[in-house]
Amino acid sequence: MNFPQELKYTKDHEWVKIDGDVATIGITEFAAGELGDIVYVEVETIGDALETGEVFGSVEAVKTVSDLFMPVSGEILELNSELEDNPELVNESPYGDGWMIKVKISGDLPSDLLSASDYAELVGN
């Protein structure tokens, strides 16, 4: 399983790519695999300022729906519009074309974000 070293991870299986004060967020390859074929991604929080741990949307797979949790505090700037017509991108390219949102970070990064190796250990890889 792939866990890019340059990303940070949460225990809820989101990944975060930090670029200055903007974070790109998605779900990990492990999470996408556990969910199965993703059929819908819902994010209705564009423009909202959310705190770490708050729900920013949900992802629907064939047999389940799972909430998505903010790994950092900030304002949601953008939703990956490609996911509206192609939600399978989350399964096919979780760290690339399958990203979900971009956030303008407010405040400090949470201290509980995991490194790639810590996340791999968490999921038993």
Protein backbone atom coordinates (compact mmCIF):
# COMPACT_ATOMS: atom_id res chain seq x y z
CA MET A 1 0.00 0.00 0.00
CA ASN A 2 1.18 3.50 -0.81
CA PHE A 3 1.56 6.27 1.81
CA PRO A 4 3.46 9.23 0.28
CA GLN A 5 6.13 10.53 2.66
CA GLU A 6 5.40 14.22 2.00
CA LEU A 7 1.84 13.94 3.32
CA LYS A 8 0.47 13.98 6.86
CA TYR A 9 -2.27 11.57 7.96
CA THR A 10 -5.06 11.31 10.54
CA LYS A 11 -6.31 8.39 12.56
CA ASP A 12 -9.60 8.88 10.65
CA HIS A 13 -7.78 8.04 7.37
CA GLU A 14 -7.62 11.48 5.77
CA TRP A 15 -4.38 12.75 4.23
CA VAL A 16 -3.17 16.36 4.17
CA LYS A 17 -0.75 18.05 1.78
CA ILE A 18 0.48 21.38 3.14
CA ASP A 19 1.49 24.09 0.65
CA GLY A 20 2.07 27.36 2.51
CA ASP A 21 -1.25 28.19 4.19
CA VAL A 22 -3.33 25.91 1.94
CA ALA A 23 -4.01 22.26 2.67
CA THR A 24 -5.22 19.76 0.10
CA ILE A 25 -7.19 16.96 1.74
CA GLY A 26 -8.40 13.52 0.66
CA ILE A 27 -8.79 10.02 2.00
CA THR A 28 -6.01 7.45 2.05
CA GLU A 29 -5.58 4.47 -0.24
CA PHE A 30 -6.30 2.29 2.81
CA ALA A 31 -9.63 4.05 3.46
CA ALA A 32 -10.66 3.91 -0.20
CA GLY A 33 -9.88 0.19 -0.25
CA GLU A 34 -11.85 -0.45 2.94
CA LEU A 35 -14.86 1.47 1.61
CA GLY A 36 -14.84 -0.26 -1.76
CA ASP A 37 -16.14 1.35 -4.95
CA ILE A 38 -16.90 4.99 -4.20
CA VAL A 39 -20.03 6.20 -5.98
CA TYR A 40 -20.55 9.70 -4.54
CA VAL A 41 -18.62 12.40 -2.69
CA GLU A 42 -20.66 15.08 -0.92
CA VAL A 43 -19.19 18.32 0.38
CA GLU A 44 -21.63 21.13 1.16
CA THR A 45 -19.27 23.19 3.32
CA ILE A 46 -17.52 25.34 0.67
CA GLY A 47 -16.81 28.74 2.19
CA ASP A 48 -17.37 27.48 5.73
CA ALA A 49 -14.72 27.78 8.43
CA LEU A 50 -14.46 24.47 10.30
CA GLU A 51 -12.40 23.30 13.24
CA THR A 52 -10.17 20.23 13.34
CA GLY A 53 -12.31 17.12 13.79
CA GLU A 54 -15.54 18.60 12.39
CA VAL A 55 -17.33 16.81 9.55
CA PHE A 56 -16.76 18.50 6.18
CA GLY A 57 -18.64 16.02 4.01
CA SER A 58 -19.22 12.37 3.31
CA VAL A 59 -18.21 9.68 0.88
CA GLU A 60 -20.65 7.06 -0.30
CA ALA A 61 -19.58 3.61 -1.39
CA VAL A 62 -21.77 0.82 -2.71
CA LYS A 63 -22.62 -0.50 0.77
CA THR A 64 -21.84 2.34 3.20
CA VAL A 65 -21.61 6.07 3.82
CA SER A 66 -18.70 7.49 5.79
CA ASP A 67 -18.20 10.99 7.22
CA LEU A 68 -15.13 13.01 6.30
CA PHE A 69 -13.36 14.83 9.14
CA MET A 70 -11.30 18.02 8.98
CA PRO A 71 -7.65 17.24 9.75
CA VAL A 72 -6.86 20.97 10.15
CA SER A 73 -8.84 24.09 11.06
CA GLY A 74 -9.63 26.47 8.25
CA GLU A 75 -11.94 27.75 5.54
CA ILE A 76 -12.90 25.36 2.77
CA LEU A 77 -11.88 27.07 -0.46
CA GLU A 78 -12.54 24.48 -3.12
CA LEU A 79 -14.09 21.11 -3.86
CA ASN A 80 -12.58 18.87 -6.50
CA SER A 81 -15.33 19.30 -9.10
CA GLU A 82 -14.03 16.28 -11.05
CA LEU A 83 -15.46 14.05 -8.31
CA GLU A 84 -19.04 15.06 -9.19
CA ASP A 85 -18.94 13.06 -12.43
CA ASN A 86 -16.04 10.74 -11.55
CA PRO A 87 -16.16 9.73 -7.86
CA GLU A 88 -14.16 6.62 -8.76
CA LEU A 89 -11.07 8.89 -8.94
CA VAL A 90 -10.91 8.51 -5.15
CA ASN A 91 -10.31 4.77 -5.62
CA GLU A 92 -8.10 5.10 -8.71
CA SER A 93 -5.88 7.99 -7.56
CA PRO A 94 -6.47 8.79 -3.86
CA TYR A 95 -3.36 11.00 -3.56
CA GLY A 96 -3.62 12.58 -7.00
CA ASP A 97 -6.77 13.24 -9.03
CA GLY A 98 -8.94 11.91 -6.18
CA TRP A 99 -8.23 14.80 -3.77
CA MET A 100 -11.40 16.20 -2.17
CA ILE A 101 -11.00 19.74 -0.82
CA LYS A 102 -8.58 22.64 -0.45
CA VAL A 103 -8.56 24.56 2.81
CA LYS A 104 -7.02 27.89 3.88
CA ILE A 105 -5.42 26.86 7.16
CA SER A 106 -6.15 28.91 10.27
CA GLY A 107 -4.07 28.54 13.40
CA ASP A 108 -1.43 25.92 14.09
CA LEU A 109 -1.38 22.43 12.62
CA PRO A 110 -2.70 19.80 15.02
CA SER A 111 0.03 17.95 16.89
CA ASP A 112 -1.64 14.59 16.29
CA LEU A 113 -1.10 14.49 12.52
CA LEU A 114 0.79 11.30 11.64
CA SER A 115 3.83 10.75 9.46
CA ALA A 116 3.61 8.20 6.64
CA SER A 117 5.44 5.59 8.72
CA ASP A 118 3.23 6.20 11.78
CA TYR A 119 0.11 5.90 9.63
CA ALA A 120 1.39 2.69 8.00
CA GLU A 121 1.93 1.27 11.49
CA LEU A 122 -1.61 2.36 12.52
CA VAL A 123 -3.20 0.41 9.66
CA GLY A 124 -0.91 -2.56 10.07
CA ASN A 125 1.05 -2.13 6.87
